[in-house]
C-alpha cells in the first residue's frame, strides 16, 4: 500500500439513529412472534436479517485504500480497484456544497442502514456512492466510469494523499 488506508467515516447522528431503528425492527418482530406463539411470523424478521447481512457484507465498504496506481474499495466479501490513470479529478465537498451542486438525490441500492450505498440519481447526473456521513464527501471523477462519491475517515488527508498520487497540487 502506498497512500494509506481510510476506513468508512463514522456515521452521522441521523444515519446512526436510523440504523438503530432499522436494527430494532427484526428484534421487535421476533419478540411479537414469540409472545403471540406464531413461529411463522418470524419469517419477515429472518428475511430482514438476511438483507441486513447482505448490506453489511456486500454493499457497505469497510475501507478505501490508496495503493500503487489504484484506489481500492474494500468490502468484507469483495474488492474493487479504480486505476488512478482513470481519475480526472478529486475534490472535498461539504454536505451543503454537494446539495447546492447536485440537489437532492434518489438512491438505488442500500440506504439508511449504516449509510447509503449504490447509485445516487441527482439533477447533475448519476453517481456511484458509498457514504456513511452527511458531510466530508469526496467526489472522484474518472474518464470512463460514473463519478464516485465516498466518505472516508479523515477526508482531507485522503484527498491530499490521492492528489499527491495523481501529481496534482493541493
N, C-alpha and C. Protein backbone atom coordinates (compact mmCIF):
# COMPACT_ATOMS: atom_id res chain seq x y z
N UNK A 1 0.85 -1.17 0.00
CA UNK A 1 0.00 0.00 0.00
C UNK A 1 0.89 1.22 0.00
N UNK A 2 0.50 2.25 -0.76
CA UNK A 2 1.34 3.41 -0.92
C UNK A 2 0.78 4.64 -0.23
N UNK A 3 -0.52 4.91 -0.36
CA UNK A 3 -1.10 6.14 0.15
C UNK A 3 -1.92 6.01 1.40
N UNK A 4 -2.06 4.82 1.92
CA UNK A 4 -2.77 4.65 3.17
C UNK A 4 -4.11 3.96 3.04
N UNK A 5 -4.65 3.65 4.19
CA UNK A 5 -5.95 3.00 4.29
C UNK A 5 -6.85 3.90 5.12
N UNK A 6 -8.07 4.11 4.65
CA UNK A 6 -9.01 5.00 5.30
C UNK A 6 -10.33 4.25 5.49
N UNK A 7 -10.72 4.08 6.72
CA UNK A 7 -12.00 3.42 6.99
C UNK A 7 -13.15 4.27 6.49
N UNK A 8 -14.29 3.64 6.31
CA UNK A 8 -15.50 4.38 6.04
C UNK A 8 -15.73 5.31 7.23
N UNK A 9 -16.10 6.55 6.98
CA UNK A 9 -16.27 7.54 8.05
C UNK A 9 -17.30 7.07 9.08
N UNK A 10 -17.14 7.50 10.32
CA UNK A 10 -18.18 7.21 11.31
C UNK A 10 -19.53 7.75 10.84
N UNK A 11 -20.58 7.09 11.24
CA UNK A 11 -21.92 7.50 10.81
C UNK A 11 -22.30 8.85 11.40
N UNK A 12 -22.98 9.66 10.60
CA UNK A 12 -23.59 10.89 11.10
C UNK A 12 -24.67 10.50 12.10
N UNK A 13 -25.03 11.44 12.97
CA UNK A 13 -26.03 11.16 14.00
C UNK A 13 -27.35 10.66 13.40
N UNK A 14 -27.84 11.31 12.34
CA UNK A 14 -29.12 10.90 11.77
C UNK A 14 -29.04 9.50 11.17
N UNK A 15 -27.93 9.17 10.53
CA UNK A 15 -27.75 7.82 9.97
C UNK A 15 -27.64 6.80 11.10
N UNK A 16 -26.94 7.15 12.17
CA UNK A 16 -26.81 6.25 13.32
C UNK A 16 -28.19 5.96 13.94
N UNK A 17 -29.01 6.99 14.12
CA UNK A 17 -30.35 6.79 14.69
C UNK A 17 -31.22 5.94 13.77
N UNK A 18 -31.19 6.22 12.48
CA UNK A 18 -31.96 5.43 11.53
C UNK A 18 -31.50 3.96 11.55
N UNK A 19 -30.20 3.75 11.62
CA UNK A 19 -29.66 2.39 11.69
C UNK A 19 -30.16 1.67 12.93
N UNK A 20 -30.15 2.35 14.07
CA UNK A 20 -30.64 1.72 15.31
C UNK A 20 -32.12 1.35 15.20
N UNK A 21 -32.92 2.23 14.60
CA UNK A 21 -34.34 1.93 14.42
C UNK A 21 -34.51 0.72 13.49
N UNK A 22 -33.77 0.72 12.39
CA UNK A 22 -33.89 -0.40 11.44
C UNK A 22 -33.43 -1.72 12.06
N UNK A 23 -32.36 -1.66 12.85
CA UNK A 23 -31.89 -2.89 13.50
C UNK A 23 -32.89 -3.40 14.54
N UNK A 24 -33.67 -2.52 15.12
CA UNK A 24 -34.64 -2.92 16.14
C UNK A 24 -35.84 -3.64 15.53
N UNK A 25 -36.15 -3.37 14.28
CA UNK A 25 -37.37 -3.93 13.68
C UNK A 25 -37.39 -5.46 13.70
N UNK A 26 -36.35 -6.17 13.23
CA UNK A 26 -36.43 -7.63 13.28
C UNK A 26 -36.48 -8.17 14.71
N UNK A 27 -35.83 -7.46 15.63
CA UNK A 27 -35.87 -7.89 17.04
C UNK A 27 -37.30 -7.77 17.57
N UNK A 28 -37.95 -6.66 17.26
CA UNK A 28 -39.34 -6.46 17.71
C UNK A 28 -40.26 -7.48 17.05
N UNK A 29 -40.09 -7.71 15.75
CA UNK A 29 -40.93 -8.71 15.06
C UNK A 29 -40.76 -10.10 15.68
N UNK A 30 -39.53 -10.45 16.00
CA UNK A 30 -39.28 -11.75 16.62
C UNK A 30 -39.94 -11.82 18.00
N UNK A 31 -39.81 -10.75 18.78
CA UNK A 31 -40.46 -10.72 20.10
C UNK A 31 -41.96 -10.86 20.01
N UNK A 32 -42.57 -10.17 19.07
CA UNK A 32 -44.02 -10.27 18.88
C UNK A 32 -44.40 -11.69 18.47
N UNK A 33 -43.63 -12.30 17.56
CA UNK A 33 -43.92 -13.67 17.13
C UNK A 33 -43.82 -14.65 18.29
N UNK A 34 -42.84 -14.46 19.15
CA UNK A 34 -42.67 -15.35 20.30
C UNK A 34 -43.81 -15.16 21.29
N UNK A 35 -44.12 -13.92 21.60
CA UNK A 35 -45.20 -13.64 22.56
C UNK A 35 -46.53 -14.16 22.03
N UNK A 36 -46.76 -13.99 20.73
CA UNK A 36 -48.03 -14.45 20.14
C UNK A 36 -48.02 -15.95 19.82
N UNK A 37 -46.88 -16.60 20.06
CA UNK A 37 -46.72 -18.02 19.77
C UNK A 37 -47.07 -18.32 18.30
N UNK A 38 -46.50 -17.49 17.41
CA UNK A 38 -46.71 -17.63 15.96
C UNK A 38 -45.35 -17.73 15.28
N UNK A 39 -44.77 -18.95 15.24
CA UNK A 39 -43.43 -19.10 14.66
C UNK A 39 -43.33 -18.61 13.22
N UNK A 40 -44.38 -18.72 12.43
CA UNK A 40 -44.34 -18.27 11.04
C UNK A 40 -44.18 -16.75 10.95
N UNK A 41 -44.56 -16.06 11.99
CA UNK A 41 -44.43 -14.61 11.99
C UNK A 41 -42.96 -14.18 12.10
N UNK A 42 -42.07 -15.14 12.36
CA UNK A 42 -40.64 -14.82 12.42
C UNK A 42 -40.01 -14.75 11.03
N UNK A 43 -40.71 -15.21 10.01
CA UNK A 43 -40.16 -15.18 8.65
C UNK A 43 -39.79 -13.77 8.19
N UNK A 44 -40.66 -12.77 8.39
CA UNK A 44 -40.25 -11.41 7.98
C UNK A 44 -38.98 -10.94 8.70
N UNK A 45 -38.86 -11.27 9.97
CA UNK A 45 -37.66 -10.89 10.73
C UNK A 45 -36.43 -11.60 10.17
N UNK A 46 -36.56 -12.87 9.83
CA UNK A 46 -35.44 -13.62 9.26
C UNK A 46 -35.05 -13.05 7.90
N UNK A 47 -36.03 -12.69 7.10
CA UNK A 47 -35.76 -12.09 5.79
C UNK A 47 -35.04 -10.75 5.96
N UNK A 48 -35.52 -9.94 6.89
CA UNK A 48 -34.86 -8.65 7.14
C UNK A 48 -33.43 -8.86 7.61
N UNK A 49 -33.21 -9.81 8.50
CA UNK A 49 -31.86 -10.08 8.99
C UNK A 49 -30.95 -10.51 7.84
N UNK A 50 -31.47 -11.30 6.92
CA UNK A 50 -30.67 -11.73 5.76
C UNK A 50 -30.32 -10.53 4.87
N UNK A 51 -31.26 -9.63 4.67
CA UNK A 51 -30.99 -8.43 3.87
C UNK A 51 -29.95 -7.57 4.58
N UNK A 52 -30.07 -7.42 5.88
CA UNK A 52 -29.10 -6.62 6.66
C UNK A 52 -27.70 -7.21 6.54
N UNK A 53 -27.61 -8.54 6.59
CA UNK A 53 -26.31 -9.20 6.43
C UNK A 53 -25.74 -8.95 5.04
N UNK A 54 -26.58 -9.01 4.03
CA UNK A 54 -26.16 -8.73 2.66
C UNK A 54 -25.62 -7.30 2.54
N UNK A 55 -26.32 -6.34 3.12
CA UNK A 55 -25.86 -4.95 3.09
C UNK A 55 -24.50 -4.85 3.76
N UNK A 56 -24.34 -5.46 4.93
CA UNK A 56 -23.08 -5.38 5.68
C UNK A 56 -21.91 -6.00 4.90
N UNK A 57 -22.15 -7.14 4.29
CA UNK A 57 -21.07 -7.87 3.62
C UNK A 57 -20.79 -7.39 2.20
N UNK A 58 -21.82 -6.96 1.47
CA UNK A 58 -21.67 -6.72 0.03
C UNK A 58 -21.80 -5.25 -0.39
N UNK A 59 -22.60 -4.47 0.32
CA UNK A 59 -22.85 -3.10 -0.11
C UNK A 59 -22.06 -2.06 0.68
N UNK A 60 -21.84 -2.29 1.97
CA UNK A 60 -21.18 -1.31 2.82
C UNK A 60 -19.67 -1.58 2.85
N UNK A 61 -18.86 -0.68 2.22
CA UNK A 61 -17.41 -0.91 2.25
C UNK A 61 -16.86 -0.69 3.66
N UNK A 62 -15.77 -1.36 3.95
CA UNK A 62 -15.12 -1.16 5.25
C UNK A 62 -14.02 -0.11 5.18
N UNK A 63 -13.38 -0.02 3.98
CA UNK A 63 -12.28 0.95 3.87
C UNK A 63 -11.98 1.26 2.41
N UNK A 64 -11.19 2.33 2.27
CA UNK A 64 -10.70 2.79 0.97
C UNK A 64 -9.18 2.79 1.08
N UNK A 65 -8.52 2.14 0.13
CA UNK A 65 -7.06 2.03 0.16
C UNK A 65 -6.46 2.71 -1.06
N UNK A 66 -5.45 3.52 -0.81
CA UNK A 66 -4.70 4.13 -1.89
C UNK A 66 -3.43 3.31 -2.07
N UNK A 67 -3.41 2.50 -3.12
CA UNK A 67 -2.27 1.66 -3.41
C UNK A 67 -1.48 2.22 -4.57
N UNK A 68 -0.48 1.52 -4.97
CA UNK A 68 0.34 1.94 -6.10
C UNK A 68 -0.52 1.90 -7.36
N UNK A 69 -0.85 3.07 -7.88
CA UNK A 69 -1.58 3.16 -9.13
C UNK A 69 -3.06 2.86 -9.07
N UNK A 70 -3.63 2.70 -7.88
CA UNK A 70 -5.06 2.39 -7.83
C UNK A 70 -5.68 2.80 -6.50
N UNK A 71 -6.97 3.04 -6.57
CA UNK A 71 -7.81 3.24 -5.39
C UNK A 71 -8.63 1.97 -5.24
N UNK A 72 -8.51 1.33 -4.09
CA UNK A 72 -9.27 0.11 -3.84
C UNK A 72 -10.40 0.41 -2.85
N UNK A 73 -11.56 -0.10 -3.18
CA UNK A 73 -12.68 -0.07 -2.25
C UNK A 73 -12.82 -1.51 -1.74
N UNK A 74 -12.80 -1.66 -0.43
CA UNK A 74 -12.76 -3.00 0.17
C UNK A 74 -14.03 -3.24 1.00
N UNK A 75 -14.72 -4.32 0.67
CA UNK A 75 -15.87 -4.79 1.42
C UNK A 75 -15.46 -6.10 2.11
N UNK A 76 -16.26 -6.58 3.05
CA UNK A 76 -15.91 -7.86 3.68
C UNK A 76 -15.79 -9.03 2.69
N UNK A 77 -16.58 -9.02 1.60
CA UNK A 77 -16.56 -10.17 0.68
C UNK A 77 -16.15 -9.83 -0.75
N UNK A 78 -15.75 -8.59 -1.01
CA UNK A 78 -15.33 -8.24 -2.37
C UNK A 78 -14.42 -7.03 -2.35
N UNK A 79 -13.81 -6.76 -3.50
CA UNK A 79 -12.93 -5.60 -3.68
C UNK A 79 -13.15 -5.04 -5.06
N UNK A 80 -12.87 -3.74 -5.17
CA UNK A 80 -12.94 -3.06 -6.46
C UNK A 80 -11.72 -2.15 -6.55
N UNK A 81 -11.09 -2.10 -7.71
CA UNK A 81 -9.92 -1.23 -7.90
C UNK A 81 -10.19 -0.27 -9.05
N UNK A 82 -10.00 1.01 -8.77
CA UNK A 82 -10.10 2.05 -9.80
C UNK A 82 -8.68 2.48 -10.13
N UNK A 83 -8.22 2.24 -11.36
CA UNK A 83 -6.87 2.68 -11.72
C UNK A 83 -6.77 4.20 -11.62
N UNK A 84 -5.71 4.68 -10.98
CA UNK A 84 -5.54 6.12 -10.82
C UNK A 84 -5.34 6.81 -12.16
N UNK A 85 -4.89 6.09 -13.17
CA UNK A 85 -4.74 6.65 -14.50
C UNK A 85 -6.10 7.07 -15.07
N UNK A 86 -7.19 6.52 -14.54
CA UNK A 86 -8.54 6.85 -14.99
C UNK A 86 -9.10 8.08 -14.29
N UNK A 87 -8.48 8.51 -13.19
CA UNK A 87 -9.03 9.60 -12.38
C UNK A 87 -8.73 10.95 -13.01
N UNK A 88 -9.77 11.74 -13.22
CA UNK A 88 -9.63 13.10 -13.75
C UNK A 88 -9.46 14.12 -12.64
N UNK A 89 -10.30 13.98 -11.59
CA UNK A 89 -10.25 14.97 -10.52
C UNK A 89 -10.77 14.38 -9.22
N UNK A 90 -10.39 15.05 -8.15
CA UNK A 90 -10.87 14.68 -6.82
C UNK A 90 -11.10 15.97 -6.05
N UNK A 91 -12.21 16.02 -5.33
CA UNK A 91 -12.47 17.21 -4.53
C UNK A 91 -13.22 16.84 -3.26
N UNK A 92 -13.00 17.66 -2.25
CA UNK A 92 -13.67 17.50 -0.97
C UNK A 92 -14.83 18.48 -0.92
N UNK A 93 -16.02 17.98 -0.60
CA UNK A 93 -17.22 18.82 -0.56
C UNK A 93 -17.92 18.66 0.77
N UNK A 94 -18.43 19.76 1.28
CA UNK A 94 -19.31 19.68 2.45
C UNK A 94 -20.67 19.19 1.97
N UNK A 95 -21.50 18.79 2.89
CA UNK A 95 -22.85 18.38 2.53
C UNK A 95 -23.61 19.51 1.85
N UNK A 96 -23.42 20.72 2.34
CA UNK A 96 -24.09 21.89 1.77
C UNK A 96 -23.61 22.16 0.34
N UNK A 97 -22.31 22.06 0.10
CA UNK A 97 -21.77 22.25 -1.26
C UNK A 97 -22.30 21.19 -2.21
N UNK A 98 -22.34 19.94 -1.73
CA UNK A 98 -22.83 18.87 -2.59
C UNK A 98 -24.28 19.11 -2.98
N UNK A 99 -25.13 19.45 -1.99
CA UNK A 99 -26.55 19.67 -2.29
C UNK A 99 -26.75 20.88 -3.20
N UNK A 100 -25.92 21.92 -3.06
CA UNK A 100 -26.05 23.10 -3.93
C UNK A 100 -25.76 22.72 -5.39
N UNK A 101 -24.81 21.85 -5.61
CA UNK A 101 -24.44 21.44 -6.98
C UNK A 101 -25.33 20.36 -7.56
N UNK A 102 -25.67 19.40 -6.71
CA UNK A 102 -26.36 18.20 -7.20
C UNK A 102 -27.82 18.11 -6.79
N UNK A 103 -28.24 18.92 -5.84
CA UNK A 103 -29.61 18.82 -5.33
C UNK A 103 -29.77 17.56 -4.52
N UNK A 104 -31.03 17.24 -4.25
CA UNK A 104 -31.30 16.01 -3.53
C UNK A 104 -31.24 14.84 -4.50
N UNK A 105 -30.92 13.67 -4.00
CA UNK A 105 -30.78 12.52 -4.86
C UNK A 105 -31.76 11.43 -4.53
N UNK A 106 -31.92 10.53 -5.48
CA UNK A 106 -32.70 9.32 -5.26
C UNK A 106 -31.73 8.14 -5.30
N UNK A 107 -31.78 7.36 -4.26
CA UNK A 107 -30.85 6.24 -4.12
C UNK A 107 -31.40 5.00 -4.81
N UNK A 108 -30.49 4.27 -5.46
CA UNK A 108 -30.79 2.95 -5.99
C UNK A 108 -29.74 2.04 -5.38
N UNK A 109 -30.14 1.22 -4.45
CA UNK A 109 -29.20 0.37 -3.73
C UNK A 109 -29.64 0.28 -2.28
N UNK A 110 -28.68 0.23 -1.39
CA UNK A 110 -28.97 0.13 0.04
C UNK A 110 -28.87 1.51 0.66
N UNK A 111 -29.79 1.80 1.57
CA UNK A 111 -29.74 3.11 2.21
C UNK A 111 -30.44 3.11 3.55
N UNK A 112 -29.90 3.91 4.45
CA UNK A 112 -30.49 4.05 5.77
C UNK A 112 -29.81 3.17 6.80
N UNK A 113 -29.40 2.02 6.41
CA UNK A 113 -28.76 1.07 7.30
C UNK A 113 -27.25 1.21 7.15
N UNK A 114 -26.61 1.86 8.08
CA UNK A 114 -25.17 2.13 8.10
C UNK A 114 -24.74 3.18 7.07
N UNK A 115 -25.67 3.76 6.33
CA UNK A 115 -25.31 4.77 5.35
C UNK A 115 -26.09 4.57 4.06
N UNK A 116 -25.50 5.03 2.96
CA UNK A 116 -26.11 4.85 1.64
C UNK A 116 -25.08 4.30 0.68
N UNK A 117 -25.47 3.30 -0.09
CA UNK A 117 -24.52 2.58 -0.94
C UNK A 117 -25.21 2.17 -2.24
N UNK A 118 -24.55 2.41 -3.35
CA UNK A 118 -25.10 2.02 -4.65
C UNK A 118 -25.00 3.15 -5.64
N UNK A 119 -26.14 3.51 -6.24
CA UNK A 119 -26.20 4.62 -7.20
C UNK A 119 -27.03 5.74 -6.60
N UNK A 120 -26.64 6.97 -6.91
CA UNK A 120 -27.37 8.14 -6.47
C UNK A 120 -27.73 8.94 -7.72
N UNK A 121 -29.02 9.06 -7.98
CA UNK A 121 -29.50 9.81 -9.14
C UNK A 121 -29.77 11.24 -8.70
N UNK A 122 -29.07 12.20 -9.29
CA UNK A 122 -29.23 13.61 -8.95
C UNK A 122 -29.51 14.41 -10.20
N UNK A 123 -29.85 15.67 -10.02
CA UNK A 123 -30.12 16.53 -11.18
C UNK A 123 -28.86 16.73 -12.02
N UNK A 124 -27.68 16.54 -11.41
CA UNK A 124 -26.41 16.71 -12.13
C UNK A 124 -25.91 15.41 -12.73
N UNK A 125 -26.62 14.32 -12.54
CA UNK A 125 -26.20 13.04 -13.10
C UNK A 125 -26.21 11.94 -12.06
N UNK A 126 -25.83 10.76 -12.49
CA UNK A 126 -25.81 9.58 -11.63
C UNK A 126 -24.40 9.34 -11.12
N UNK A 127 -24.32 9.10 -9.80
CA UNK A 127 -23.03 8.82 -9.16
C UNK A 127 -23.07 7.45 -8.50
N UNK A 128 -21.92 6.81 -8.41
CA UNK A 128 -21.78 5.65 -7.53
C UNK A 128 -21.48 6.25 -6.16
N UNK A 129 -22.07 5.71 -5.11
CA UNK A 129 -21.80 6.31 -3.80
C UNK A 129 -21.73 5.28 -2.69
N UNK A 130 -20.83 5.59 -1.75
CA UNK A 130 -20.60 4.77 -0.56
C UNK A 130 -20.37 5.76 0.58
N UNK A 131 -21.46 6.18 1.23
CA UNK A 131 -21.37 7.22 2.24
C UNK A 131 -21.99 6.76 3.56
N UNK A 132 -21.39 7.22 4.64
CA UNK A 132 -21.89 6.92 5.98
C UNK A 132 -22.04 8.20 6.79
N UNK A 133 -21.76 9.32 6.16
CA UNK A 133 -21.81 10.61 6.82
C UNK A 133 -22.47 11.60 5.87
N UNK A 134 -23.04 12.64 6.43
CA UNK A 134 -23.71 13.65 5.62
C UNK A 134 -22.81 14.86 5.36
N UNK A 135 -21.53 14.69 5.59
CA UNK A 135 -20.56 15.75 5.36
C UNK A 135 -19.21 15.10 5.07
N UNK A 136 -18.27 15.87 4.57
CA UNK A 136 -16.96 15.32 4.25
C UNK A 136 -16.99 14.39 3.05
N UNK A 137 -17.76 14.80 2.04
CA UNK A 137 -17.85 14.00 0.83
C UNK A 137 -16.59 14.15 -0.02
N UNK A 138 -16.14 13.06 -0.59
CA UNK A 138 -15.05 13.09 -1.56
C UNK A 138 -15.64 12.66 -2.89
N UNK A 139 -15.55 13.56 -3.87
CA UNK A 139 -16.09 13.30 -5.20
C UNK A 139 -14.92 13.04 -6.14
N UNK A 140 -14.91 11.84 -6.72
CA UNK A 140 -13.84 11.41 -7.62
C UNK A 140 -14.44 11.23 -9.01
N UNK A 141 -13.93 11.98 -9.96
CA UNK A 141 -14.39 11.87 -11.35
C UNK A 141 -13.36 11.09 -12.15
N UNK A 142 -13.85 10.14 -12.95
CA UNK A 142 -12.94 9.35 -13.78
C UNK A 142 -13.33 9.49 -15.24
N UNK A 143 -12.45 9.06 -16.09
CA UNK A 143 -12.64 9.20 -17.53
C UNK A 143 -13.70 8.25 -18.09
N UNK A 144 -13.77 7.05 -17.54
CA UNK A 144 -14.59 6.02 -18.18
C UNK A 144 -15.74 5.51 -17.31
N UNK A 145 -15.88 6.01 -16.09
CA UNK A 145 -16.92 5.50 -15.20
C UNK A 145 -17.70 6.65 -14.59
N UNK A 146 -18.81 6.29 -13.97
CA UNK A 146 -19.59 7.30 -13.26
C UNK A 146 -18.75 7.90 -12.14
N UNK A 147 -19.03 9.15 -11.78
CA UNK A 147 -18.33 9.73 -10.63
C UNK A 147 -18.58 8.90 -9.38
N UNK A 148 -17.63 8.95 -8.49
CA UNK A 148 -17.66 8.17 -7.25
C UNK A 148 -17.72 9.13 -6.08
N UNK A 149 -18.71 8.96 -5.21
CA UNK A 149 -18.88 9.78 -4.02
C UNK A 149 -18.67 8.89 -2.80
N UNK A 150 -17.69 9.24 -1.97
CA UNK A 150 -17.37 8.42 -0.80
C UNK A 150 -17.19 9.32 0.43
N UNK A 151 -17.27 8.70 1.60
CA UNK A 151 -16.97 9.41 2.85
C UNK A 151 -15.93 8.61 3.64
N UNK A 152 -14.67 8.79 3.31
CA UNK A 152 -13.63 8.13 4.11
C UNK A 152 -13.41 8.89 5.41
N UNK A 153 -12.90 8.18 6.42
CA UNK A 153 -12.46 8.90 7.61
C UNK A 153 -11.32 9.83 7.19
N UNK A 154 -11.14 10.91 7.89
CA UNK A 154 -10.08 11.88 7.58
C UNK A 154 -10.11 12.27 6.10
N UNK A 155 -11.24 12.79 5.61
CA UNK A 155 -11.37 13.06 4.18
C UNK A 155 -10.34 14.03 3.64
N UNK A 156 -9.93 15.01 4.45
CA UNK A 156 -8.93 15.96 3.97
C UNK A 156 -7.59 15.28 3.72
N UNK A 157 -7.19 14.36 4.60
CA UNK A 157 -5.96 13.59 4.39
C UNK A 157 -6.08 12.69 3.18
N UNK A 158 -7.24 12.08 3.03
CA UNK A 158 -7.47 11.18 1.89
C UNK A 158 -7.32 11.95 0.58
N UNK A 159 -7.96 13.12 0.48
CA UNK A 159 -7.89 13.92 -0.74
C UNK A 159 -6.46 14.36 -1.01
N UNK A 160 -5.74 14.79 0.03
CA UNK A 160 -4.34 15.22 -0.15
C UNK A 160 -3.49 14.05 -0.64
N UNK A 161 -3.67 12.86 -0.06
CA UNK A 161 -2.88 11.69 -0.47
C UNK A 161 -3.23 11.28 -1.90
N UNK A 162 -4.50 11.33 -2.25
CA UNK A 162 -4.91 10.96 -3.60
C UNK A 162 -4.37 11.99 -4.61
N UNK A 163 -4.48 13.25 -4.29
CA UNK A 163 -3.94 14.27 -5.19
C UNK A 163 -2.43 14.12 -5.37
N UNK A 164 -1.75 13.79 -4.30
CA UNK A 164 -0.30 13.58 -4.38
C UNK A 164 0.00 12.44 -5.35
N UNK A 165 -0.74 11.34 -5.24
CA UNK A 165 -0.52 10.22 -6.14
C UNK A 165 -0.87 10.56 -7.58
N UNK A 166 -1.81 11.47 -7.75
CA UNK A 166 -2.20 11.89 -9.10
C UNK A 166 -1.27 12.94 -9.67
N UNK A 167 -0.36 13.46 -8.82
CA UNK A 167 0.55 14.51 -9.25
C UNK A 167 -0.13 15.86 -9.37
N UNK A 168 -1.25 16.03 -8.63
CA UNK A 168 -1.97 17.30 -8.65
C UNK A 168 -1.58 18.13 -7.44
N UNK A 169 -1.67 19.43 -7.58
CA UNK A 169 -1.38 20.31 -6.46
C UNK A 169 -2.58 20.36 -5.55
N UNK A 170 -2.34 20.55 -4.25
CA UNK A 170 -3.46 20.54 -3.28
C UNK A 170 -4.45 21.67 -3.47
